[in-house]
């Protein structure tokens, strides 16, 4: 499962490949992974330019012209960018075609990954609704809050580290 460091690596890689590109079309082969209204997603994504990339915990953020696409890779999600011809691949579920002829594909063998499209001003509320705690490296990570949670519980340290409400992005592989 991709954890915070892996998602950050994906973010940095995509940033080098797709920033400034305009999405001309989108093809969704597995609609269940789209967690916002499918028609709205298909209508709103084309025409958007990838302005920047971000990450919050294990969530990958595509900052578009006037929307934010939130992608969670879950267990096995992967993005691949092809500058021209896209080879036949078995587990591709979403194709983002760019005006320059390039294509970003989302692949997920287990089909657990998700995508959502939001207005940028709803992003903070979205993560509040997910009860996502602070990043482990952020200034707002409060060691005293974490220590307090440890002292009030008999759970193992590991279970606290995996608790996304206490610290975002850590996972079982660490």
N, C-alpha and C. Protein backbone atom coordinates (compact mmCIF):
# COMPACT_ATOMS: atom_id res chain seq x y z
N UNK A 1 0.84 -1.18 0.00
CA UNK A 1 0.00 0.00 0.00
C UNK A 1 0.89 1.24 0.00
N UNK A 2 0.64 2.17 -0.91
CA UNK A 2 1.43 3.40 -0.92
C UNK A 2 1.14 4.23 0.34
N UNK A 3 2.19 4.57 1.05
CA UNK A 3 2.07 5.41 2.24
C UNK A 3 2.57 6.81 1.89
N UNK A 4 2.67 7.69 2.87
CA UNK A 4 3.04 9.07 2.63
C UNK A 4 4.30 9.21 1.76
N UNK A 5 5.41 8.54 2.07
CA UNK A 5 6.60 8.73 1.22
C UNK A 5 6.40 8.30 -0.23
N UNK A 6 5.66 7.23 -0.45
CA UNK A 6 5.41 6.77 -1.82
C UNK A 6 4.50 7.74 -2.57
N UNK A 7 3.48 8.24 -1.88
CA UNK A 7 2.57 9.19 -2.51
C UNK A 7 3.32 10.49 -2.83
N UNK A 8 4.22 10.90 -1.96
CA UNK A 8 5.04 12.08 -2.23
C UNK A 8 5.93 11.86 -3.45
N UNK A 9 6.47 10.66 -3.59
CA UNK A 9 7.29 10.33 -4.76
C UNK A 9 6.45 10.40 -6.04
N UNK A 10 5.23 9.89 -5.98
CA UNK A 10 4.32 9.96 -7.14
C UNK A 10 4.03 11.42 -7.46
N UNK A 11 3.75 12.21 -6.43
CA UNK A 11 3.46 13.64 -6.63
C UNK A 11 4.62 14.34 -7.35
N UNK A 12 5.82 14.11 -6.87
CA UNK A 12 6.99 14.76 -7.47
C UNK A 12 7.21 14.30 -8.92
N UNK A 13 6.98 13.02 -9.17
CA UNK A 13 7.13 12.51 -10.53
C UNK A 13 6.11 13.10 -11.48
N UNK A 14 4.85 13.13 -11.05
CA UNK A 14 3.79 13.69 -11.90
C UNK A 14 4.00 15.19 -12.12
N UNK A 15 4.49 15.86 -11.11
CA UNK A 15 4.73 17.29 -11.22
C UNK A 15 5.67 17.60 -12.38
N UNK A 16 6.67 16.75 -12.57
CA UNK A 16 7.64 16.94 -13.66
C UNK A 16 7.02 16.64 -15.03
N UNK A 17 5.99 15.81 -15.05
CA UNK A 17 5.44 15.33 -16.31
C UNK A 17 4.20 16.06 -16.81
N UNK A 18 3.34 16.53 -15.90
CA UNK A 18 2.03 17.00 -16.35
C UNK A 18 1.69 18.45 -15.99
N UNK A 19 2.55 19.14 -15.25
CA UNK A 19 2.24 20.54 -14.91
C UNK A 19 2.08 21.38 -16.17
N UNK A 20 1.05 22.20 -16.17
CA UNK A 20 0.79 23.09 -17.29
C UNK A 20 0.05 22.45 -18.44
N UNK A 21 -0.20 21.15 -18.35
CA UNK A 21 -0.90 20.46 -19.44
C UNK A 21 -2.42 20.63 -19.30
N UNK A 22 -3.06 20.78 -20.45
CA UNK A 22 -4.52 20.93 -20.48
C UNK A 22 -5.16 19.59 -20.81
N UNK A 23 -6.12 19.19 -19.98
CA UNK A 23 -6.84 17.93 -20.18
C UNK A 23 -7.87 18.14 -21.28
N UNK A 24 -7.75 17.36 -22.35
CA UNK A 24 -8.70 17.52 -23.46
C UNK A 24 -9.89 16.57 -23.32
N UNK A 25 -9.65 15.38 -22.74
CA UNK A 25 -10.75 14.43 -22.55
C UNK A 25 -10.39 13.46 -21.44
N UNK A 26 -11.41 12.78 -20.97
CA UNK A 26 -11.23 11.78 -19.92
C UNK A 26 -12.08 10.57 -20.28
N UNK A 27 -11.54 9.39 -20.05
CA UNK A 27 -12.29 8.16 -20.27
C UNK A 27 -12.24 7.35 -18.99
N UNK A 28 -13.40 7.00 -18.47
CA UNK A 28 -13.50 6.26 -17.22
C UNK A 28 -14.05 4.87 -17.52
N UNK A 29 -13.23 3.85 -17.27
CA UNK A 29 -13.65 2.48 -17.54
C UNK A 29 -14.23 1.80 -16.31
N UNK A 30 -13.95 2.35 -15.13
CA UNK A 30 -14.48 1.79 -13.88
C UNK A 30 -15.11 2.93 -13.07
N UNK A 31 -16.37 3.26 -13.34
CA UNK A 31 -17.01 4.43 -12.73
C UNK A 31 -17.14 4.38 -11.21
N UNK A 32 -17.11 3.19 -10.61
CA UNK A 32 -17.29 3.09 -9.16
C UNK A 32 -16.17 3.77 -8.38
N UNK A 33 -15.04 3.98 -9.01
CA UNK A 33 -13.94 4.62 -8.29
C UNK A 33 -14.11 6.14 -8.18
N UNK A 34 -15.03 6.70 -8.96
CA UNK A 34 -15.30 8.14 -8.92
C UNK A 34 -16.33 8.38 -7.82
N UNK A 35 -15.94 9.10 -6.78
CA UNK A 35 -16.80 9.25 -5.60
C UNK A 35 -17.64 10.52 -5.62
N UNK A 36 -17.41 11.39 -6.58
CA UNK A 36 -18.31 12.53 -6.78
C UNK A 36 -19.22 12.18 -7.95
N UNK A 37 -20.17 13.04 -8.23
CA UNK A 37 -21.12 12.79 -9.32
C UNK A 37 -20.37 12.51 -10.62
N UNK A 38 -20.61 11.35 -11.21
CA UNK A 38 -19.89 10.91 -12.40
C UNK A 38 -20.09 11.86 -13.58
N UNK A 39 -21.32 12.27 -13.83
CA UNK A 39 -21.58 13.19 -14.95
C UNK A 39 -20.84 14.51 -14.75
N UNK A 40 -20.87 15.02 -13.53
CA UNK A 40 -20.17 16.27 -13.23
C UNK A 40 -18.66 16.09 -13.43
N UNK A 41 -18.13 14.97 -12.96
CA UNK A 41 -16.70 14.68 -13.09
C UNK A 41 -16.30 14.68 -14.57
N UNK A 42 -17.09 13.98 -15.39
CA UNK A 42 -16.79 13.87 -16.82
C UNK A 42 -16.98 15.21 -17.55
N UNK A 43 -17.86 16.03 -17.05
CA UNK A 43 -18.12 17.33 -17.67
C UNK A 43 -17.08 18.38 -17.24
N UNK A 44 -16.67 18.33 -15.97
CA UNK A 44 -15.81 19.38 -15.40
C UNK A 44 -14.32 19.18 -15.65
N UNK A 45 -13.85 17.94 -15.74
CA UNK A 45 -12.40 17.70 -15.85
C UNK A 45 -11.83 18.14 -17.21
N UNK A 46 -12.46 17.78 -18.33
CA UNK A 46 -11.91 18.27 -19.61
C UNK A 46 -11.89 19.80 -19.66
N UNK A 47 -10.81 20.33 -20.20
CA UNK A 47 -10.64 21.78 -20.28
C UNK A 47 -9.82 22.34 -19.12
N UNK A 48 -9.64 21.56 -18.08
CA UNK A 48 -8.85 22.00 -16.93
C UNK A 48 -7.36 21.88 -17.23
N UNK A 49 -6.58 22.79 -16.68
CA UNK A 49 -5.12 22.74 -16.77
C UNK A 49 -4.58 22.29 -15.42
N UNK A 50 -3.59 21.40 -15.42
CA UNK A 50 -2.95 20.96 -14.18
C UNK A 50 -2.01 22.09 -13.74
N UNK A 51 -2.45 22.86 -12.74
CA UNK A 51 -1.69 24.02 -12.27
C UNK A 51 -0.58 23.63 -11.30
N UNK A 52 -0.86 22.68 -10.42
CA UNK A 52 0.15 22.21 -9.46
C UNK A 52 -0.29 20.87 -8.90
N UNK A 53 0.63 20.23 -8.20
CA UNK A 53 0.36 18.94 -7.56
C UNK A 53 0.59 19.11 -6.06
N UNK A 54 -0.20 18.40 -5.28
CA UNK A 54 -0.03 18.44 -3.83
C UNK A 54 -0.27 17.07 -3.23
N UNK A 55 -0.12 17.02 -1.92
CA UNK A 55 -0.35 15.79 -1.19
C UNK A 55 -0.80 16.15 0.21
N UNK A 56 -1.74 15.40 0.72
CA UNK A 56 -2.17 15.53 2.12
C UNK A 56 -2.29 14.12 2.64
N UNK A 57 -1.39 13.73 3.56
CA UNK A 57 -1.37 12.35 4.02
C UNK A 57 -1.13 11.44 2.84
N UNK A 58 -2.02 10.48 2.64
CA UNK A 58 -1.90 9.54 1.53
C UNK A 58 -2.73 9.97 0.31
N UNK A 59 -3.28 11.18 0.35
CA UNK A 59 -4.09 11.69 -0.75
C UNK A 59 -3.21 12.48 -1.72
N UNK A 60 -3.37 12.22 -2.99
CA UNK A 60 -2.68 12.94 -4.05
C UNK A 60 -3.63 14.02 -4.56
N UNK A 61 -3.15 15.25 -4.67
CA UNK A 61 -3.99 16.38 -5.05
C UNK A 61 -3.54 16.98 -6.38
N UNK A 62 -4.45 17.01 -7.33
CA UNK A 62 -4.21 17.65 -8.62
C UNK A 62 -4.93 19.00 -8.57
N UNK A 63 -4.17 20.08 -8.45
CA UNK A 63 -4.78 21.41 -8.45
C UNK A 63 -4.98 21.83 -9.90
N UNK A 64 -6.23 21.86 -10.31
CA UNK A 64 -6.59 22.19 -11.68
C UNK A 64 -6.97 23.67 -11.77
N UNK A 65 -7.36 24.12 -12.94
CA UNK A 65 -7.68 25.53 -13.16
C UNK A 65 -8.64 26.07 -12.10
N UNK A 66 -9.76 25.38 -11.87
CA UNK A 66 -10.70 25.85 -10.85
C UNK A 66 -11.30 24.71 -10.03
N UNK A 67 -10.62 23.58 -10.01
CA UNK A 67 -11.06 22.42 -9.22
C UNK A 67 -9.83 21.75 -8.61
N UNK A 68 -10.09 20.87 -7.67
CA UNK A 68 -9.04 20.01 -7.13
C UNK A 68 -9.50 18.57 -7.31
N UNK A 69 -8.67 17.78 -7.97
CA UNK A 69 -8.95 16.35 -8.11
C UNK A 69 -8.18 15.65 -6.99
N UNK A 70 -8.91 14.92 -6.15
CA UNK A 70 -8.32 14.21 -5.03
C UNK A 70 -8.27 12.73 -5.40
N UNK A 71 -7.09 12.16 -5.34
CA UNK A 71 -6.91 10.75 -5.69
C UNK A 71 -6.30 10.01 -4.52
N UNK A 72 -6.90 8.90 -4.16
CA UNK A 72 -6.33 8.02 -3.13
C UNK A 72 -5.97 6.71 -3.81
N UNK A 73 -4.72 6.32 -3.73
CA UNK A 73 -4.23 5.13 -4.43
C UNK A 73 -4.66 3.83 -3.76
N UNK A 74 -5.06 3.90 -2.51
CA UNK A 74 -5.44 2.71 -1.72
C UNK A 74 -4.34 1.66 -1.76
N UNK A 75 -4.67 0.43 -2.13
CA UNK A 75 -3.70 -0.67 -2.03
C UNK A 75 -2.68 -0.70 -3.17
N UNK A 76 -3.15 -0.55 -4.40
CA UNK A 76 -2.25 -0.79 -5.54
C UNK A 76 -2.38 0.22 -6.67
N UNK A 77 -2.97 1.37 -6.41
CA UNK A 77 -3.14 2.35 -7.47
C UNK A 77 -1.82 2.91 -7.96
N UNK A 78 -1.75 3.16 -9.27
CA UNK A 78 -0.53 3.69 -9.90
C UNK A 78 -0.92 4.61 -11.05
N UNK A 79 -0.10 5.63 -11.26
CA UNK A 79 -0.26 6.50 -12.41
C UNK A 79 0.90 6.27 -13.36
N UNK A 80 0.59 6.26 -14.66
CA UNK A 80 1.60 6.16 -15.71
C UNK A 80 1.33 7.26 -16.73
N UNK A 81 2.40 7.90 -17.17
CA UNK A 81 2.27 8.94 -18.19
C UNK A 81 2.91 8.45 -19.48
N UNK A 82 2.19 8.61 -20.58
CA UNK A 82 2.68 8.24 -21.90
C UNK A 82 2.64 9.47 -22.79
N UNK A 83 3.79 9.90 -23.34
CA UNK A 83 3.81 11.11 -24.16
C UNK A 83 3.09 10.96 -25.49
N UNK A 84 2.93 9.72 -25.97
CA UNK A 84 2.20 9.54 -27.23
C UNK A 84 1.34 8.29 -27.16
N UNK A 85 1.77 7.20 -27.73
CA UNK A 85 0.98 5.96 -27.79
C UNK A 85 0.87 5.31 -26.40
N UNK A 86 -0.34 4.90 -26.04
CA UNK A 86 -0.56 4.19 -24.77
C UNK A 86 -0.59 2.70 -25.07
N UNK A 87 0.33 1.94 -24.45
CA UNK A 87 0.31 0.49 -24.69
C UNK A 87 -0.93 -0.14 -24.06
N UNK A 88 -1.30 -1.28 -24.57
CA UNK A 88 -2.44 -2.01 -23.99
C UNK A 88 -2.06 -2.45 -22.58
N UNK A 89 -2.92 -2.11 -21.63
CA UNK A 89 -2.66 -2.47 -20.24
C UNK A 89 -3.95 -3.05 -19.68
N UNK A 90 -3.81 -4.05 -18.84
CA UNK A 90 -4.97 -4.81 -18.37
C UNK A 90 -5.80 -4.09 -17.31
N UNK A 91 -5.18 -3.34 -16.42
CA UNK A 91 -5.89 -2.81 -15.26
C UNK A 91 -6.05 -1.30 -15.25
N UNK A 92 -6.10 -0.69 -16.43
CA UNK A 92 -6.29 0.76 -16.51
C UNK A 92 -7.78 1.07 -16.33
N UNK A 93 -8.07 2.05 -15.48
CA UNK A 93 -9.46 2.41 -15.20
C UNK A 93 -9.83 3.83 -15.60
N UNK A 94 -8.81 4.71 -15.70
CA UNK A 94 -9.08 6.09 -16.10
C UNK A 94 -7.96 6.57 -17.03
N UNK A 95 -8.37 7.22 -18.11
CA UNK A 95 -7.43 7.84 -19.06
C UNK A 95 -7.67 9.35 -19.03
N UNK A 96 -6.62 10.12 -18.80
CA UNK A 96 -6.67 11.58 -18.93
C UNK A 96 -5.87 11.93 -20.17
N UNK A 97 -6.55 12.35 -21.22
CA UNK A 97 -5.88 12.72 -22.47
C UNK A 97 -5.57 14.21 -22.43
N UNK A 98 -4.32 14.58 -22.76
CA UNK A 98 -3.92 15.98 -22.76
C UNK A 98 -3.92 16.53 -24.19
N UNK A 99 -4.06 17.84 -24.30
CA UNK A 99 -4.08 18.49 -25.61
C UNK A 99 -2.82 18.24 -26.43
N UNK A 100 -1.69 18.04 -25.74
CA UNK A 100 -0.42 17.84 -26.46
C UNK A 100 -0.24 16.40 -26.95
N UNK A 101 -1.24 15.54 -26.74
CA UNK A 101 -1.17 14.16 -27.19
C UNK A 101 -0.75 13.17 -26.12
N UNK A 102 -0.27 13.66 -24.99
CA UNK A 102 0.11 12.78 -23.89
C UNK A 102 -1.12 12.25 -23.16
N UNK A 103 -0.91 11.15 -22.43
CA UNK A 103 -2.00 10.53 -21.68
C UNK A 103 -1.51 10.11 -20.31
N UNK A 104 -2.29 10.44 -19.29
CA UNK A 104 -2.05 9.96 -17.94
C UNK A 104 -3.06 8.86 -17.69
N UNK A 105 -2.58 7.68 -17.28
CA UNK A 105 -3.50 6.58 -17.01
C UNK A 105 -3.42 6.22 -15.53
N UNK A 106 -4.57 5.84 -14.99
CA UNK A 106 -4.64 5.34 -13.62
C UNK A 106 -4.91 3.86 -13.70
N UNK A 107 -4.05 3.09 -13.05
CA UNK A 107 -4.13 1.64 -13.04
C UNK A 107 -4.32 1.16 -11.61
N UNK A 108 -5.15 0.15 -11.43
CA UNK A 108 -5.39 -0.36 -10.08
C UNK A 108 -5.93 -1.79 -10.18
N UNK A 109 -5.07 -2.75 -9.90
CA UNK A 109 -5.43 -4.17 -10.02
C UNK A 109 -6.64 -4.49 -9.15
N UNK A 110 -6.66 -4.00 -7.92
CA UNK A 110 -7.73 -4.36 -6.99
C UNK A 110 -8.94 -3.42 -7.04
N UNK A 111 -8.83 -2.34 -7.78
CA UNK A 111 -9.94 -1.38 -7.95
C UNK A 111 -10.39 -0.73 -6.64
N UNK A 112 -9.45 -0.51 -5.72
CA UNK A 112 -9.79 0.13 -4.45
C UNK A 112 -9.59 1.64 -4.47
N UNK A 113 -8.81 2.15 -5.41
CA UNK A 113 -8.51 3.58 -5.46
C UNK A 113 -9.74 4.42 -5.71
N UNK A 114 -9.65 5.70 -5.33
CA UNK A 114 -10.78 6.61 -5.50
C UNK A 114 -10.32 7.94 -6.09
N UNK A 115 -11.27 8.63 -6.72
CA UNK A 115 -11.05 9.99 -7.22
C UNK A 115 -12.29 10.81 -6.90
N UNK A 116 -12.04 12.06 -6.52
CA UNK A 116 -13.12 13.00 -6.24
C UNK A 116 -12.73 14.36 -6.80
N UNK A 117 -13.72 15.13 -7.18
CA UNK A 117 -13.49 16.47 -7.72
C UNK A 117 -14.19 17.47 -6.82
N UNK A 118 -13.43 18.47 -6.35
CA UNK A 118 -13.98 19.47 -5.44
C UNK A 118 -13.60 20.87 -5.88
N UNK A 119 -14.38 21.83 -5.42
CA UNK A 119 -13.98 23.23 -5.52
C UNK A 119 -12.85 23.44 -4.51
N UNK A 120 -11.84 24.23 -4.83
CA UNK A 120 -10.70 24.41 -3.92
C UNK A 120 -11.09 24.89 -2.52
N UNK A 121 -12.14 25.71 -2.43
CA UNK A 121 -12.53 26.23 -1.11
C UNK A 121 -13.17 25.16 -0.22
N UNK A 122 -13.45 23.99 -0.75
CA UNK A 122 -14.02 22.89 0.05
C UNK A 122 -12.96 21.90 0.53
N UNK A 123 -11.71 22.11 0.14
CA UNK A 123 -10.66 21.14 0.43
C UNK A 123 -10.41 20.98 1.93
N UNK A 124 -10.30 22.08 2.66
CA UNK A 124 -10.06 21.98 4.10
C UNK A 124 -11.20 21.23 4.80
N UNK A 125 -12.43 21.56 4.45
CA UNK A 125 -13.59 20.89 5.04
C UNK A 125 -13.59 19.40 4.69
N UNK A 126 -13.15 19.08 3.48
CA UNK A 126 -13.07 17.68 3.06
C UNK A 126 -12.16 16.89 4.01
N UNK A 127 -10.97 17.43 4.28
CA UNK A 127 -10.03 16.72 5.14
C UNK A 127 -10.48 16.73 6.60
N UNK A 128 -11.21 17.75 7.02
CA UNK A 128 -11.80 17.75 8.36
C UNK A 128 -12.82 16.62 8.44
N UNK A 129 -13.64 16.46 7.39
CA UNK A 129 -14.65 15.39 7.39
C UNK A 129 -14.01 14.00 7.41
N UNK A 130 -12.79 13.90 6.87
CA UNK A 130 -12.06 12.63 6.88
C UNK A 130 -11.31 12.44 8.20
N UNK A 131 -11.37 13.45 9.07
CA UNK A 131 -10.68 13.43 10.37
C UNK A 131 -9.19 13.17 10.22
N UNK A 132 -8.61 13.78 9.21
CA UNK A 132 -7.20 13.57 8.91
C UNK A 132 -6.35 14.45 9.81
N UNK A 133 -5.47 13.81 10.55
CA UNK A 133 -4.59 14.53 11.47
C UNK A 133 -3.49 15.28 10.74
N UNK A 134 -2.58 15.87 11.50
CA UNK A 134 -1.49 16.64 10.89
C UNK A 134 -0.47 15.73 10.22
N UNK A 135 0.26 16.32 9.30
CA UNK A 135 1.38 15.62 8.67
C UNK A 135 2.45 15.38 9.74
N UNK A 136 3.21 14.30 9.64
CA UNK A 136 4.23 14.05 10.66
C UNK A 136 5.36 15.08 10.65
N UNK A 137 5.52 15.79 9.56
CA UNK A 137 6.60 16.76 9.47
C UNK A 137 6.13 18.20 9.58
N UNK A 138 4.85 18.41 9.72
CA UNK A 138 4.30 19.76 9.75
C UNK A 138 4.55 20.44 11.08
N UNK A 139 4.58 21.76 11.02
CA UNK A 139 4.71 22.53 12.25
C UNK A 139 3.50 22.35 13.15
N UNK A 140 2.34 22.04 12.56
CA UNK A 140 1.16 21.89 13.41
C UNK A 140 1.05 20.51 14.05
N UNK A 141 2.04 19.64 13.79
CA UNK A 141 2.06 18.36 14.51
C UNK A 141 2.43 18.68 15.95
N UNK A 142 1.54 18.34 16.85
CA UNK A 142 1.72 18.66 18.26
C UNK A 142 2.10 17.40 19.03
N UNK A 143 3.34 17.33 19.42
CA UNK A 143 3.84 16.15 20.14
C UNK A 143 3.08 15.93 21.44
N UNK A 144 2.68 17.01 22.10
CA UNK A 144 1.94 16.86 23.36
C UNK A 144 0.58 16.20 23.14
N UNK A 145 -0.09 16.55 22.06
CA UNK A 145 -1.37 15.91 21.74
C UNK A 145 -1.16 14.42 21.49
N UNK A 146 -0.11 14.09 20.76
CA UNK A 146 0.20 12.69 20.47
C UNK A 146 0.55 11.95 21.76
N UNK A 147 1.38 12.55 22.60
CA UNK A 147 1.75 11.92 23.88
C UNK A 147 0.53 11.74 24.77
N UNK A 148 -0.37 12.70 24.76
CA UNK A 148 -1.59 12.61 25.55
C UNK A 148 -2.44 11.43 25.08
N UNK A 149 -2.55 11.25 23.78
CA UNK A 149 -3.31 10.11 23.24
C UNK A 149 -2.67 8.80 23.67
N UNK A 150 -1.35 8.75 23.67
CA UNK A 150 -0.65 7.54 24.11
C UNK A 150 -0.90 7.26 25.58
N UNK A 151 -0.86 8.29 26.39
CA UNK A 151 -0.99 8.10 27.84
C UNK A 151 -2.40 7.71 28.25
N UNK A 152 -3.40 8.04 27.43
CA UNK A 152 -4.79 7.74 27.76
C UNK A 152 -5.25 6.39 27.22
N UNK A 153 -4.35 5.63 26.64
CA UNK A 153 -4.75 4.41 25.97
C UNK A 153 -3.81 3.26 26.29
N UNK A 154 -4.34 2.08 26.19
CA UNK A 154 -3.51 0.88 26.38
C UNK A 154 -3.12 0.27 25.04
N UNK A 155 -3.52 0.92 23.95
CA UNK A 155 -3.16 0.42 22.62
C UNK A 155 -1.66 0.57 22.41
N UNK A 156 -1.16 -0.20 21.47
CA UNK A 156 0.27 -0.15 21.16
C UNK A 156 0.64 1.17 20.47
N UNK A 157 1.91 1.51 20.51
CA UNK A 157 2.39 2.70 19.81
C UNK A 157 2.09 2.57 18.32
N UNK A 158 2.26 1.36 17.79
CA UNK A 158 2.01 1.13 16.37
C UNK A 158 0.58 1.54 15.99
N UNK A 159 -0.39 1.14 16.78
CA UNK A 159 -1.77 1.47 16.44
C UNK A 159 -2.01 2.98 16.48
N UNK A 160 -1.30 3.68 17.36
CA UNK A 160 -1.40 5.14 17.39
C UNK A 160 -0.75 5.77 16.15
N UNK A 161 0.38 5.22 15.74
CA UNK A 161 1.06 5.74 14.55
C UNK A 161 0.24 5.52 13.29
N UNK A 162 -0.54 4.44 13.27
CA UNK A 162 -1.39 4.14 12.11
C UNK A 162 -2.71 4.90 12.14
N UNK A 163 -3.04 5.50 13.28
CA UNK A 163 -4.28 6.25 13.44
C UNK A 163 -4.17 7.57 12.67
N UNK A 164 -4.85 7.66 11.55
CA UNK A 164 -4.75 8.83 10.66
C UNK A 164 -5.31 10.11 11.28
N UNK A 165 -6.06 9.98 12.38
CA UNK A 165 -6.55 11.18 13.06
C UNK A 165 -5.46 11.81 13.93
N UNK A 166 -4.46 11.02 14.32
CA UNK A 166 -3.36 11.53 15.14
C UNK A 166 -2.19 12.02 14.30
N UNK A 167 -1.88 11.26 13.25
CA UNK A 167 -0.79 11.63 12.35
C UNK A 167 -1.13 11.06 10.97
N UNK A 168 -1.09 11.92 9.95
CA UNK A 168 -1.52 11.52 8.61
C UNK A 168 -0.39 10.91 7.81
N UNK A 169 -0.71 9.84 7.10
CA UNK A 169 0.20 9.32 6.09
C UNK A 169 1.04 8.13 6.46
N UNK A 170 1.12 7.81 7.75
CA UNK A 170 1.92 6.65 8.12
C UNK A 170 1.10 5.39 7.90
N UNK A 171 1.79 4.30 7.59
CA UNK A 171 1.09 3.06 7.31
C UNK A 171 1.84 1.85 7.81
N UNK A 172 1.27 0.73 7.53
CA UNK A 172 1.73 -0.55 8.06
C UNK A 172 3.12 -0.96 7.60
N UNK A 173 3.57 -0.48 6.45
CA UNK A 173 4.87 -0.94 5.97
C UNK A 173 6.03 -0.31 6.73
N UNK A 174 5.73 0.67 7.56
CA UNK A 174 6.79 1.29 8.36
C UNK A 174 6.66 0.86 9.80
